[in-house]
């Protein structure tokens, strides 16, 4: 169903909250060989625990220069004192200043009400298992 389109981009960044370096991963997701989503994973470590911040951008027409159907969701994934990681919606694109590729950045309330919320969680689930850097960081 889902697959990666080409190579992912992996870069280092510095956390503006704690000053630690962390990895940023950007990947392109295909669904049945068609462009489907862009994901951005920020792999942080705070308070001696790994956190994965995922932003997923989806569009029904990637060729539309006006990006009228482009929408972004965000979530934070971590253990937060639990034995298994859990995910919680957060405002999309918090760590990114470039608004051009995100389209409409949804906050938690908007994301919960959006008709593509199920599509978002499907991409998140897939990325957490199939991007090995994200998987290792999240489940370490």
Protein backbone atom coordinates (compact mmCIF):
# COMPACT_ATOMS: atom_id res chain seq x y z
CA UNK A 1 0.00 0.00 0.00
CA UNK A 2 2.55 2.65 1.15
CA UNK A 3 6.16 2.94 0.00
CA UNK A 4 8.95 5.50 0.09
CA UNK A 5 9.62 7.61 -2.97
CA UNK A 6 13.37 7.97 -3.37
CA UNK A 7 15.90 8.66 -0.67
CA UNK A 8 15.06 10.37 2.57
CA UNK A 9 16.84 13.50 3.70
CA UNK A 10 18.57 13.27 7.08
CA UNK A 11 20.02 16.42 8.66
CA UNK A 12 21.15 17.62 12.08
CA UNK A 13 19.54 20.53 13.89
CA UNK A 14 19.81 22.11 17.32
CA UNK A 15 16.81 22.11 19.65
CA UNK A 16 15.80 25.68 20.47
CA UNK A 17 14.48 24.54 23.87
CA UNK A 18 17.36 22.47 25.28
CA UNK A 19 20.24 23.15 22.87
CA UNK A 20 20.85 19.44 22.11
CA UNK A 21 21.43 18.27 18.56
CA UNK A 22 18.76 16.07 17.02
CA UNK A 23 18.10 14.43 13.65
CA UNK A 24 15.50 15.64 11.16
CA UNK A 25 14.25 13.22 8.53
CA UNK A 26 12.15 14.15 5.50
CA UNK A 27 10.61 11.43 3.35
CA UNK A 28 8.07 11.16 0.58
CA UNK A 29 5.34 8.54 0.85
CA UNK A 30 3.64 6.92 -2.12
CA UNK A 31 0.30 5.14 -1.98
CA UNK A 32 -0.14 2.62 -4.79
CA UNK A 33 2.79 4.31 -6.59
CA UNK A 34 1.14 7.79 -6.48
CA UNK A 35 2.41 10.80 -4.48
CA UNK A 36 0.57 10.75 -1.16
CA UNK A 37 2.38 12.50 1.71
CA UNK A 38 5.53 14.18 2.95
CA UNK A 39 6.64 13.34 6.46
CA UNK A 40 9.06 15.20 8.65
CA UNK A 41 10.38 13.42 11.72
CA UNK A 42 12.30 15.23 14.43
CA UNK A 43 14.11 12.75 16.70
CA UNK A 44 14.65 14.44 20.07
CA UNK A 45 15.84 13.33 23.49
CA UNK A 46 14.42 15.28 26.43
CA UNK A 47 14.54 14.39 30.14
CA UNK A 48 16.44 11.19 29.30
CA UNK A 49 13.59 9.94 27.08
CA UNK A 50 13.29 9.74 23.30
CA UNK A 51 10.58 11.80 21.61
CA UNK A 52 9.58 11.65 17.97
CA UNK A 53 7.76 14.64 16.53
CA UNK A 54 6.06 13.80 13.22
CA UNK A 55 4.52 16.22 10.76
CA UNK A 56 2.62 14.78 7.80
CA UNK A 57 1.58 16.89 4.81
CA UNK A 58 -1.03 15.57 2.39
CA UNK A 59 -2.50 16.99 -0.81
CA UNK A 60 -5.05 15.67 -3.28
CA UNK A 61 -3.32 17.58 -6.13
CA UNK A 62 0.44 17.91 -5.67
CA UNK A 63 0.71 19.74 -9.02
CA UNK A 64 -1.55 22.63 -7.90
CA UNK A 65 0.81 25.61 -7.34
CA UNK A 66 -1.81 27.29 -5.14
CA UNK A 67 -1.74 24.30 -2.75
CA UNK A 68 -5.46 24.77 -2.13
CA UNK A 69 -5.90 21.21 -0.85
CA UNK A 70 -2.63 20.87 1.06
CA UNK A 71 -2.96 20.19 4.79
CA UNK A 72 -0.50 19.28 7.56
CA UNK A 73 -1.02 17.38 10.80
CA UNK A 74 1.43 16.98 13.68
CA UNK A 75 1.94 14.57 16.55
CA UNK A 76 4.38 13.85 19.34
CA UNK A 77 5.27 10.21 20.03
CA UNK A 78 6.97 8.96 23.17
CA UNK A 79 6.69 6.81 26.26
CA UNK A 80 5.81 9.67 28.65
CA UNK A 81 6.14 7.33 31.66
CA UNK A 82 4.36 4.42 29.95
CA UNK A 83 5.91 1.10 28.88
CA UNK A 84 4.91 1.61 25.22
CA UNK A 85 5.07 4.77 23.08
CA UNK A 86 1.88 6.75 22.61
CA UNK A 87 1.02 9.55 20.18
CA UNK A 88 -0.73 12.84 20.79
CA UNK A 89 -1.81 15.47 18.29
CA UNK A 90 0.10 18.76 18.36
CA UNK A 91 -0.03 21.82 16.10
CA UNK A 92 1.58 20.96 12.75
CA UNK A 93 5.00 22.25 11.78
CA UNK A 94 5.97 23.78 15.12
CA UNK A 95 9.69 23.45 14.45
CA UNK A 96 9.64 24.73 10.87
CA UNK A 97 9.55 28.32 9.70
CA UNK A 98 8.98 27.57 5.99
CA UNK A 99 5.21 27.83 5.49
CA UNK A 100 5.44 27.13 1.74
CA UNK A 101 5.35 23.36 1.80
CA UNK A 102 2.91 22.78 4.64
CA UNK A 103 -0.29 24.31 3.28
CA UNK A 104 -2.84 24.65 6.07
CA UNK A 105 -1.15 23.79 9.38
CA UNK A 106 -3.77 22.25 11.64
CA UNK A 107 -3.90 22.65 15.40
CA UNK A 108 -5.16 19.81 17.61
CA UNK A 109 -8.84 20.77 17.44
CA UNK A 110 -8.78 21.30 13.68
CA UNK A 111 -6.96 17.99 13.19
CA UNK A 112 -9.50 16.06 15.27
CA UNK A 113 -12.34 17.45 13.12
CA UNK A 114 -10.58 17.07 9.76
CA UNK A 115 -11.86 14.37 7.37
CA UNK A 116 -8.28 13.16 6.66
CA UNK A 117 -7.40 12.42 10.29
CA UNK A 118 -7.56 8.67 9.58
CA UNK A 119 -5.21 9.07 6.61
CA UNK A 120 -2.78 10.97 8.86
CA UNK A 121 -2.72 8.22 11.51
CA UNK A 122 -2.24 5.57 8.79
CA UNK A 123 0.89 7.40 7.55
CA UNK A 124 2.15 7.87 11.12
CA UNK A 125 1.71 4.15 11.87
CA UNK A 126 3.50 3.25 8.63
CA UNK A 127 6.42 5.65 9.24
CA UNK A 128 6.88 4.43 12.83
CA UNK A 129 7.40 0.88 11.53
CA UNK A 130 9.03 1.41 8.12
CA UNK A 131 11.50 4.26 8.59
CA UNK A 132 14.18 2.37 10.49
CA UNK A 133 15.74 5.49 12.04
CA UNK A 134 12.33 6.61 13.33
CA UNK A 135 11.47 3.09 14.50
CA UNK A 136 14.77 2.62 16.39
CA UNK A 137 14.54 6.03 18.03
CA UNK A 138 10.89 5.72 19.03
CA UNK A 139 11.02 2.17 20.36
CA UNK A 140 14.53 2.25 21.89
